[in-house]
Amino acid sequence: MKCINLCCPHGEVFLQNPNWDYTDYTSQAFICTTAERMEDAKVNFTTQIRDSESDAMLEWEEARHYVLVGHTPSFDCGAEYNGQAVFDHGKFHVMSNGSLRGSELYVDDPMSNATEIRFYKPEEYCLVIGALPDYSDYSYTESTDGLDYLDYSSPAPLRQTFMYCLEHEKLTWEQSFNAVFHPTALSISNVFLILTLIIYIIDEHLRESLMGKLTIGFIVNLICVFIVLTDNFIKDSDPRSDRRETIPCLLSGYFILYFFHAYFLWINSMAIHIWMSFTNIISVTASDSKKFMIAMIYSQGLPVLLCILTAIIDNAPTAKTKAENPYYPEIGVYSCYLGSRYKLVEGTSYFQTPIFIYQQSLLLVTIVINISLMAHVCWCFYKARESYSFSGSIALETQRHLATFVKISFVLGFTWISEIVSTALHVEHPGDTFLARNFLDIVNLFLVSDIM
């Protein structure tokens, strides 16, 4: 006796979900439910079986030759598949070996009208009766957020059809390259960063100065950023894994945001320290230990406040849906970081994206402040170069710190600017900037490894 899977439990049909929220990707447009309309009250399946060898129609009877198996709450394809979908074209017959044969199915080539025959195993399809839309005749409505959605306002008539299990999308060669390159590049950079950190910890001469301590703070946060990013790239490269809107994904997004902010601000603390040492515009008589505590509170504390503010905005009630408001952070919704809604809305500006508003705008402000401070330092150094030529070991130490900071700023400045340019290109011209973005990433890897 053969088993034929039903998509819904016995006595239920596949109808439109009255609580469907198109802004929530986890919400389902159709669900299995008990029949409410009079014509839905009795659910009868018409099942025709063909012989697997001769293709002849068989006179099989339910409960004698085959059984219809209902599933509660609905048929599940399992983790190895990416859900299920309704056939929108083709002709189908259940075969005597339990498989489903689909004919006149279009090949997976949008430029071709060719058709083919495909077979589905018993666990790869299910039989359903429902008010399913005819996808071959789309009816769209335009929403206020500029996106088009199927119009489900008029329920479709009941019909019997099949649903099949969707295979996970195969990665394109670009996605496959990124899935290998980015974790590898970040891991190599992290090796050099960790070696540098070990040297700073071991060498007392490097870590005893305030500049050395600030450098250690910057390196620690950069290591943490690279570790979380590497973990994200590795996990997101598996198409069978969907971590969106899970606690680990949400925490991962906030960790990245926090450590990004922190390492920006440690560099800013370096710039402020050198500026104060050279210019003496602001005289601080505190010890290096107290200065370091102030820098640590600023560099590690301010990101906490920024992340809290981001979380408050993300969870704030609004009259509009989040899909209609592109300025929400939406951490963990589209990816395990700031929202990527620009992929859904054509013409979205880079300056409207959450990654600019909540991360890279702060980066730009930091770059401007650092450049301004260093320009002032260079000017003061130029005006007083004669006095510094014989001012002793303190001035020489300060000059050494300035040289170190300039080198770090040059490399990281290029890294930061290239990151902004890369992100902007990816938003404004998606799919057309693969080589440019990865070239910038390769240069960044070389520069970070070189300076470390």
Protein backbone atom coordinates (compact mmCIF):
# COMPACT_ATOMS: atom_id res chain seq x y z
CA MET A 1 0.00 0.00 0.00
CA LYS A 2 1.36 3.38 -1.01
CA CYS A 3 1.23 6.54 1.10
CA ILE A 4 0.40 9.90 -0.46
CA ASN A 5 1.13 12.92 1.72
CA LEU A 6 -1.51 15.59 2.23
CA CYS A 7 -0.29 19.13 2.76
CA CYS A 8 -2.90 19.70 5.48
CA PRO A 9 -4.55 17.53 8.13
CA HIS A 10 -7.64 15.60 7.08
CA GLY A 11 -10.68 17.86 6.79
CA GLU A 12 -8.65 21.06 6.35
CA VAL A 13 -7.96 23.18 3.28
CA PHE A 14 -5.27 25.68 2.32
CA LEU A 15 -6.79 29.16 2.66
CA GLN A 16 -5.56 32.72 2.90
CA ASN A 17 -4.20 33.65 6.33
CA PRO A 18 -6.35 36.52 7.68
CA ASN A 19 -3.45 37.57 9.95
CA TRP A 20 -0.81 37.58 7.23
CA ASP A 21 1.74 40.38 7.61
CA TYR A 22 3.65 40.91 4.37
CA THR A 23 6.34 42.85 6.28
CA ASP A 24 7.16 39.76 8.35
CA TYR A 25 9.02 37.16 6.31
CA THR A 26 8.06 34.45 8.84
CA SER A 27 4.35 35.15 8.33
CA GLN A 28 2.61 32.81 5.86
CA ALA A 29 0.14 34.09 3.29
CA PHE A 30 -1.76 30.76 3.30
CA ILE A 31 -2.34 28.30 6.11
CA CYS A 32 -4.14 25.01 6.71
CA THR A 33 -7.47 25.69 8.34
CA THR A 34 -10.93 24.20 8.74
CA ALA A 35 -13.37 25.05 5.97
CA GLU A 36 -15.62 28.02 6.73
CA ARG A 37 -17.39 28.57 3.46
CA MET A 38 -20.26 26.25 2.52
CA GLU A 39 -18.49 24.97 -0.58
CA ASP A 40 -15.45 24.17 1.55
CA ALA A 41 -17.37 22.10 4.07
CA LYS A 42 -16.52 18.75 2.50
CA VAL A 43 -12.96 18.08 1.38
CA ASN A 44 -12.82 15.39 -1.29
CA PHE A 45 -9.64 14.43 -3.13
CA THR A 46 -9.68 13.03 -6.64
CA THR A 47 -6.60 10.89 -6.96
CA GLN A 48 -5.66 9.19 -10.20
CA ILE A 49 -2.76 6.75 -10.20
CA ARG A 50 -0.75 5.77 -13.26
CA ASP A 51 1.40 2.69 -13.66
CA SER A 52 5.11 3.52 -13.31
CA GLU A 53 6.04 1.16 -16.17
CA SER A 54 3.25 1.34 -18.76
CA ASP A 55 1.82 4.77 -17.82
CA ALA A 56 -1.65 3.20 -17.93
CA MET A 57 -4.36 4.60 -15.67
CA LEU A 58 -4.93 2.28 -12.69
CA GLU A 59 -8.22 1.76 -10.94
CA TRP A 60 -6.82 2.02 -7.45
CA GLU A 61 -9.06 2.58 -4.47
CA GLU A 62 -8.24 4.60 -1.36
CA ALA A 63 -7.59 2.53 1.77
CA ARG A 64 -7.16 -0.55 -0.41
CA HIS A 65 -4.26 0.40 -2.69
CA TYR A 66 -3.14 3.71 -1.20
CA VAL A 67 -3.75 5.88 1.83
CA LEU A 68 -3.82 9.68 2.15
CA VAL A 69 -1.63 10.75 5.08
CA GLY A 70 -2.51 14.04 6.79
CA HIS A 71 0.11 16.08 8.63
CA THR A 72 -0.36 18.32 11.67
CA PRO A 73 -0.08 21.28 11.57
CA SER A 74 1.01 20.90 7.92
CA PHE A 75 3.36 18.96 5.67
CA ASP A 76 7.04 19.72 6.40
CA CYS A 77 9.78 19.11 3.85
CA GLY A 78 12.49 19.08 6.49
CA ALA A 79 15.67 21.09 7.06
CA GLU A 80 17.32 19.82 3.89
CA TYR A 81 14.78 21.79 1.84
CA ASN A 82 13.89 25.47 1.71
CA GLY A 83 10.16 25.04 2.35
CA GLN A 84 7.53 24.18 -0.24
CA ALA A 85 5.76 25.92 -3.12
CA VAL A 86 2.66 25.44 -5.26
CA PHE A 87 3.06 24.30 -8.86
CA ASP A 88 1.89 27.18 -11.05
CA HIS A 89 1.97 25.29 -14.34
CA GLY A 90 2.36 21.81 -15.77
CA LYS A 91 0.49 18.50 -15.65
CA PHE A 92 0.86 16.03 -12.78
CA HIS A 93 0.21 12.36 -12.13
CA VAL A 94 0.87 10.22 -9.08
CA MET A 95 2.72 7.08 -10.15
CA SER A 96 2.22 3.57 -8.76
CA ASN A 97 5.65 3.66 -7.07
CA GLY A 98 4.53 6.67 -4.99
CA SER A 99 6.41 9.32 -6.95
CA LEU A 100 4.90 12.38 -8.63
CA ARG A 101 5.50 12.99 -12.32
CA GLY A 102 5.33 16.55 -13.56
CA SER A 103 5.29 17.22 -17.30
CA GLU A 104 5.37 20.45 -19.32
CA LEU A 105 7.44 22.09 -16.57
CA TYR A 106 9.61 24.99 -17.63
CA VAL A 107 13.35 24.49 -17.39
CA ASP A 108 15.32 26.68 -14.95
CA ASP A 109 16.25 29.21 -17.59
CA PRO A 110 14.31 32.50 -17.73
CA MET A 111 15.43 33.02 -21.35
CA SER A 112 14.02 29.70 -22.55
CA ASN A 113 10.47 28.45 -23.09
CA ALA A 114 11.56 24.81 -23.18
CA THR A 115 9.78 22.31 -20.92
CA GLU A 116 10.83 19.08 -19.28
CA ILE A 117 9.54 16.16 -17.22
CA ARG A 118 10.53 15.93 -13.56
CA PHE A 119 9.87 13.29 -10.92
CA TYR A 120 9.46 13.92 -7.21
CA LYS A 121 9.96 11.36 -4.47
CA PRO A 122 7.02 10.64 -2.11
CA GLU A 123 8.63 12.78 0.63
CA GLU A 124 9.14 15.70 -1.79
CA TYR A 125 5.53 16.57 -2.58
CA CYS A 126 2.06 16.71 -1.05
CA LEU A 127 -1.53 16.88 -2.29
CA VAL A 128 -3.61 19.92 -1.34
CA ILE A 129 -7.02 21.50 -1.86
CA GLY A 130 -7.11 25.22 -1.34
CA ALA A 131 -8.07 28.69 -2.51
CA LEU A 132 -4.70 29.13 -4.12
CA PRO A 133 -3.96 32.02 -6.48
CA ASP A 134 -3.16 31.32 -10.10
CA TYR A 135 0.43 32.55 -10.24
CA SER A 136 0.41 32.46 -14.02
CA ASP A 137 -1.91 35.49 -13.92
CA TYR A 138 -0.43 37.91 -11.41
CA SER A 139 -2.54 40.69 -9.99
CA TYR A 140 -0.51 43.36 -8.23
CA THR A 141 -1.37 46.23 -5.96
CA GLU A 142 1.03 49.04 -5.24
CA SER A 143 1.63 49.75 -1.57
CA THR A 144 2.57 53.03 0.06
CA ASP A 145 6.20 51.92 0.47
CA GLY A 146 6.75 51.58 -3.26
CA LEU A 147 6.69 47.79 -3.31
CA ASP A 148 4.23 45.66 -5.33
CA TYR A 149 2.38 42.80 -3.66
CA LEU A 150 -0.02 40.16 -4.92
CA ASP A 151 -3.65 41.17 -4.54
CA TYR A 152 -5.38 38.60 -2.35
CA SER A 153 -8.48 40.72 -1.76
CA SER A 154 -10.66 38.37 -3.87
CA PRO A 155 -10.36 34.75 -2.72
CA ALA A 156 -9.53 32.31 -5.51
CA PRO A 157 -11.82 29.31 -6.13
CA LEU A 158 -10.91 26.00 -4.55
CA ARG A 159 -8.77 23.71 -6.63
CA GLN A 160 -6.77 20.56 -6.15
CA THR A 161 -3.08 20.70 -6.88
CA PHE A 162 0.30 19.65 -5.56
CA MET A 163 3.01 21.39 -3.59
CA TYR A 164 6.66 20.45 -3.93
CA CYS A 165 9.73 20.84 -1.76
CA LEU A 166 12.04 23.66 -2.76
CA GLU A 167 15.72 22.98 -2.91
CA HIS A 168 18.02 25.50 -1.30
CA GLU A 169 19.36 28.09 -3.70
CA LYS A 170 22.76 27.25 -5.04
CA LEU A 171 25.34 29.91 -4.35
CA THR A 172 26.50 31.93 -7.34
CA TRP A 173 30.22 31.99 -8.06
CA GLU A 174 30.35 35.46 -6.49
CA GLN A 175 28.65 34.22 -3.32
CA SER A 176 30.86 31.13 -3.25
CA PHE A 177 33.95 33.32 -3.60
CA ASN A 178 32.81 35.64 -0.82
CA ALA A 179 31.95 32.70 1.43
CA VAL A 180 35.59 31.58 1.21
CA PHE A 181 37.47 34.85 0.72
CA HIS A 182 35.99 36.99 3.49
CA PRO A 183 36.41 34.51 6.37
CA THR A 184 39.91 33.69 5.12
CA ALA A 185 40.89 37.35 4.82
CA LEU A 186 39.50 38.21 8.24
CA SER A 187 41.23 35.19 9.80
CA ILE A 188 44.60 36.14 8.32
CA SER A 189 44.20 39.72 9.57
CA ASN A 190 43.23 38.41 12.98
CA VAL A 191 46.37 36.27 13.18
CA PHE A 192 48.53 39.37 12.71
CA LEU A 193 46.40 41.35 15.16
CA ILE A 194 46.70 38.66 17.83
CA LEU A 195 50.47 38.43 17.30
CA THR A 196 50.70 42.21 17.65
CA LEU A 197 48.63 42.11 20.83
CA ILE A 198 50.89 39.42 22.29
CA ILE A 199 53.97 41.54 21.52
CA TYR A 200 52.39 44.56 23.23
CA ILE A 201 51.54 42.47 26.28
CA ILE A 202 55.01 40.90 26.53
CA ASP A 203 57.07 44.04 25.80
CA GLU A 204 56.83 46.30 28.84
CA HIS A 205 58.31 49.24 26.91
CA LEU A 206 55.40 49.13 24.45
CA ARG A 207 52.58 48.78 26.95
CA GLU A 208 53.81 51.12 29.71
CA SER A 209 53.05 54.34 27.82
CA LEU A 210 49.55 55.75 27.46
CA MET A 211 49.84 55.45 23.68
CA GLY A 212 50.65 51.75 24.06
CA LYS A 213 47.61 51.18 26.25
CA LEU A 214 45.38 53.00 23.75
CA THR A 215 46.81 50.85 20.97
CA ILE A 216 46.03 47.69 22.94
CA GLY A 217 42.42 48.86 23.40
CA PHE A 218 42.09 49.48 19.67
CA ILE A 219 43.61 46.07 18.76
CA VAL A 220 41.40 44.12 21.21
CA ASN A 221 38.20 45.61 19.79
CA LEU A 222 39.33 45.09 16.19
CA ILE A 223 40.05 41.44 16.98
CA CYS A 224 36.56 41.06 18.46
CA VAL A 225 34.98 42.64 15.35
CA PHE A 226 36.86 40.28 13.05
CA ILE A 227 35.95 37.21 15.13
CA VAL A 228 32.21 37.98 15.07
CA LEU A 229 32.30 38.89 11.36
CA THR A 230 34.15 35.67 10.53
CA ASP A 231 31.56 33.67 12.48
CA ASN A 232 28.76 35.45 10.59
CA PHE A 233 30.30 34.82 7.17
CA ILE A 234 30.83 31.12 7.92
CA LYS A 235 27.30 30.55 9.25
CA ASP A 236 25.57 32.66 6.59
CA SER A 237 27.36 30.81 3.78
CA ASP A 238 25.24 27.74 4.55
CA PRO A 239 21.93 28.19 2.65
CA ARG A 240 20.26 25.62 4.89
CA SER A 241 20.77 27.83 7.92
CA ASP A 242 18.43 30.76 8.53
CA ARG A 243 19.39 32.51 11.76
CA ARG A 244 17.41 35.69 11.15
CA GLU A 245 15.40 37.00 14.09
CA THR A 246 16.98 34.53 16.50
CA ILE A 247 18.65 35.59 19.75
CA PRO A 248 22.19 34.54 18.59
CA CYS A 249 21.72 36.48 15.34
CA LEU A 250 20.47 39.56 17.17
CA LEU A 251 23.34 39.45 19.68
CA SER A 252 25.81 38.98 16.84
CA GLY A 253 24.52 42.13 15.14
CA TYR A 254 24.80 44.22 18.29
CA PHE A 255 28.28 42.84 19.08
CA ILE A 256 29.49 43.88 15.63
CA LEU A 257 27.97 47.34 16.04
CA TYR A 258 29.43 47.72 19.55
CA PHE A 259 32.98 46.66 18.70
CA PHE A 260 32.95 48.71 15.48
CA HIS A 261 32.02 51.83 17.46
CA ALA A 262 34.57 51.00 20.15
CA TYR A 263 37.55 50.59 17.88
CA PHE A 264 36.65 53.80 16.01
CA LEU A 265 36.63 55.64 19.32
CA TRP A 266 39.94 54.13 20.51
CA ILE A 267 41.55 55.60 17.38
CA ASN A 268 39.83 58.87 18.18
CA SER A 269 41.25 58.70 21.72
CA MET A 270 44.73 58.30 20.22
CA ALA A 271 44.19 61.40 18.10
CA ILE A 272 42.95 63.42 21.07
CA HIS A 273 45.92 62.27 23.20
CA ILE A 274 48.49 63.26 20.57
CA TRP A 275 46.70 66.55 19.90
CA MET A 276 46.72 67.45 23.59
CA SER A 277 50.38 66.43 23.93
CA PHE A 278 51.54 68.58 21.01
CA THR A 279 49.35 71.66 21.26
CA ASN A 280 48.90 72.17 25.03
CA ILE A 281 45.66 74.01 24.29
CA ILE A 282 43.97 71.92 26.97
CA SER A 283 46.20 71.23 29.95
CA VAL A 284 45.42 68.00 31.83
CA THR A 285 47.52 67.28 34.89
CA ALA A 286 46.05 63.81 35.56
CA SER A 287 48.31 60.77 35.56
CA ASP A 288 48.50 58.43 32.58
CA SER A 289 46.44 55.89 34.53
CA LYS A 290 43.58 58.35 35.00
CA LYS A 291 43.83 59.46 31.37
CA PHE A 292 43.59 55.84 30.29
CA MET A 293 40.51 55.28 32.48
CA ILE A 294 38.86 58.33 30.89
CA ALA A 295 39.75 57.04 27.42
CA MET A 296 38.38 53.58 28.26
CA ILE A 297 35.10 54.99 29.60
CA TYR A 298 34.78 57.10 26.44
CA SER A 299 35.79 54.37 23.98
CA GLN A 300 33.96 51.43 25.60
CA GLY A 301 31.12 53.28 27.34
CA LEU A 302 29.84 55.49 24.53
CA PRO A 303 29.26 52.47 22.22
CA VAL A 304 27.04 50.97 24.93
CA LEU A 305 24.87 54.09 24.89
CA LEU A 306 24.81 54.10 21.07
CA CYS A 307 23.73 50.44 20.98
CA ILE A 308 21.02 51.10 23.58
CA LEU A 309 19.78 54.05 21.51
CA THR A 310 19.77 51.86 18.39
CA ALA A 311 17.77 49.17 20.22
CA ILE A 312 15.26 51.74 21.48
CA ILE A 313 14.72 53.07 17.94
CA ASP A 314 14.45 49.52 16.57
CA ASN A 315 11.71 48.64 19.06
CA ALA A 316 9.92 51.98 19.11
CA PRO A 317 6.27 51.90 18.03
CA THR A 318 5.42 53.63 14.78
CA ALA A 319 2.30 54.40 12.80
CA LYS A 320 3.99 52.97 9.72
CA THR A 321 5.30 49.46 9.31
CA LYS A 322 9.06 49.04 9.37
CA ALA A 323 9.00 48.06 5.71
CA GLU A 324 7.51 51.49 4.97
CA ASN A 325 10.20 53.24 7.01
CA PRO A 326 13.73 52.62 5.72
CA TYR A 327 15.40 54.33 8.68
CA TYR A 328 14.83 51.59 11.25
CA PRO A 329 17.97 49.60 12.21
CA GLU A 330 16.20 46.22 11.87
CA ILE A 331 19.16 44.34 13.29
CA GLY A 332 18.74 40.61 12.70
CA VAL A 333 15.77 40.99 10.33
CA TYR A 334 17.38 40.77 6.89
CA SER A 335 20.79 39.63 8.13
CA CYS A 336 22.65 39.31 11.43
CA TYR A 337 23.55 42.97 11.33
CA LEU A 338 21.90 46.25 10.39
CA GLY A 339 18.96 46.01 8.00
CA SER A 340 19.50 45.48 4.30
CA ARG A 341 16.14 46.63 2.99
CA TYR A 342 17.81 48.40 0.06
CA LYS A 343 17.85 44.96 -1.61
CA LEU A 344 14.06 45.10 -1.73
CA VAL A 345 13.47 48.72 -2.70
CA GLU A 346 14.78 49.96 -6.02
CA GLY A 347 16.38 53.39 -5.95
CA THR A 348 17.19 53.43 -2.23
CA SER A 349 20.00 55.87 -1.50
CA TYR A 350 23.08 54.78 0.42
CA PHE A 351 22.45 57.65 2.86
CA GLN A 352 19.03 56.18 3.71
CA THR A 353 20.35 52.77 4.68
CA PRO A 354 20.64 51.71 8.33
CA ILE A 355 24.33 50.82 7.91
CA PHE A 356 25.08 54.45 7.06
CA ILE A 357 22.78 55.99 9.63
CA TYR A 358 23.78 53.83 12.59
CA GLN A 359 27.40 52.93 11.82
CA GLN A 360 29.18 54.65 8.96
CA SER A 361 27.91 58.15 9.78
CA LEU A 362 29.78 57.86 13.10
CA LEU A 363 32.79 56.57 11.17
CA LEU A 364 32.72 59.65 8.91
CA VAL A 365 32.45 61.97 11.92
CA THR A 366 35.41 60.18 13.53
CA ILE A 367 37.49 60.50 10.35
CA VAL A 368 36.74 64.23 10.10
CA ILE A 369 37.64 64.83 13.76
CA ASN A 370 40.87 62.82 13.50
CA ILE A 371 41.93 64.60 10.31
CA SER A 372 41.18 67.99 11.89
CA LEU A 373 43.17 67.18 15.03
CA MET A 374 46.12 65.80 13.08
CA ALA A 375 46.13 68.78 10.73
CA HIS A 376 46.31 71.07 13.74
CA VAL A 377 49.11 68.97 15.24
CA CYS A 378 51.09 69.09 12.00
CA TRP A 379 50.66 72.83 11.81
CA CYS A 380 51.83 73.28 15.41
CA PHE A 381 54.72 70.90 14.80
CA TYR A 382 55.73 72.87 11.72
CA LYS A 383 55.61 76.20 13.58
CA ALA A 384 57.64 74.85 16.51
CA ARG A 385 59.97 72.44 14.69
CA GLU A 386 63.08 74.29 15.84
CA SER A 387 62.19 74.05 19.52
CA TYR A 388 61.34 70.34 19.14
CA SER A 389 64.76 69.63 17.64
CA PHE A 390 66.41 69.99 21.01
CA SER A 391 63.56 69.51 23.46
CA GLY A 392 64.82 66.20 24.76
CA SER A 393 63.49 62.67 25.13
CA ILE A 394 59.89 63.68 25.88
CA ALA A 395 59.51 65.43 22.55
CA LEU A 396 61.20 62.52 20.76
CA GLU A 397 58.77 60.10 22.40
CA THR A 398 55.84 62.25 21.38
CA GLN A 399 57.14 62.45 17.83
CA ARG A 400 57.45 58.66 17.77
CA HIS A 401 53.85 58.36 18.91
CA LEU A 402 52.79 60.83 16.23
CA ALA A 403 54.59 58.83 13.56
CA THR A 404 52.91 55.61 14.76
CA PHE A 405 49.50 57.24 14.79
CA VAL A 406 49.96 58.74 11.31
CA LYS A 407 50.85 55.31 9.96
CA ILE A 408 47.86 53.68 11.65
CA SER A 409 45.57 56.50 10.54
CA PHE A 410 46.77 56.28 6.94
CA VAL A 411 46.14 52.55 6.72
CA LEU A 412 42.88 52.55 8.67
CA GLY A 413 41.77 55.73 6.93
CA PHE A 414 42.10 53.98 3.59
CA THR A 415 40.36 50.93 5.06
CA TRP A 416 37.47 53.00 6.43
CA ILE A 417 37.03 55.10 3.30
CA SER A 418 37.18 52.01 1.07
CA GLU A 419 34.57 50.34 3.30
CA ILE A 420 32.27 53.34 2.89
CA VAL A 421 32.85 53.45 -0.87
CA SER A 422 32.37 49.68 -1.13
CA THR A 423 29.09 49.80 0.81
CA ALA A 424 27.82 52.76 -1.20
CA LEU A 425 28.62 51.01 -4.49
CA HIS A 426 26.91 47.84 -3.30
CA VAL A 427 23.76 49.79 -2.40
CA GLU A 428 23.61 52.10 -5.40
CA HIS A 429 24.76 49.52 -7.97
CA PRO A 430 24.01 46.04 -6.62
CA GLY A 431 25.44 43.18 -8.64
CA ASP A 432 27.71 45.40 -10.76
CA THR A 433 30.52 46.11 -8.30
CA PHE A 434 31.71 42.65 -7.31
CA LEU A 435 35.27 43.06 -8.62
CA ALA A 436 35.66 46.59 -7.28
CA ARG A 437 34.41 45.68 -3.80
CA ASN A 438 36.60 42.61 -3.51
CA PHE A 439 39.64 44.48 -4.86
CA LEU A 440 39.19 46.99 -2.04
CA ASP A 441 38.85 44.14 0.47
CA ILE A 442 42.09 42.55 -0.78
CA VAL A 443 43.94 45.88 -0.47
CA ASN A 444 42.52 46.33 3.04
CA LEU A 445 43.74 42.87 4.01
CA PHE A 446 47.25 43.64 2.74
CA LEU A 447 47.41 47.00 4.51
CA VAL A 448 46.10 45.75 7.86
CA SER A 449 48.49 42.78 7.76
CA ASP A 450 51.39 45.05 6.79
CA ILE A 451 50.90 47.60 9.56
CA MET A 452 50.38 44.95 12.21
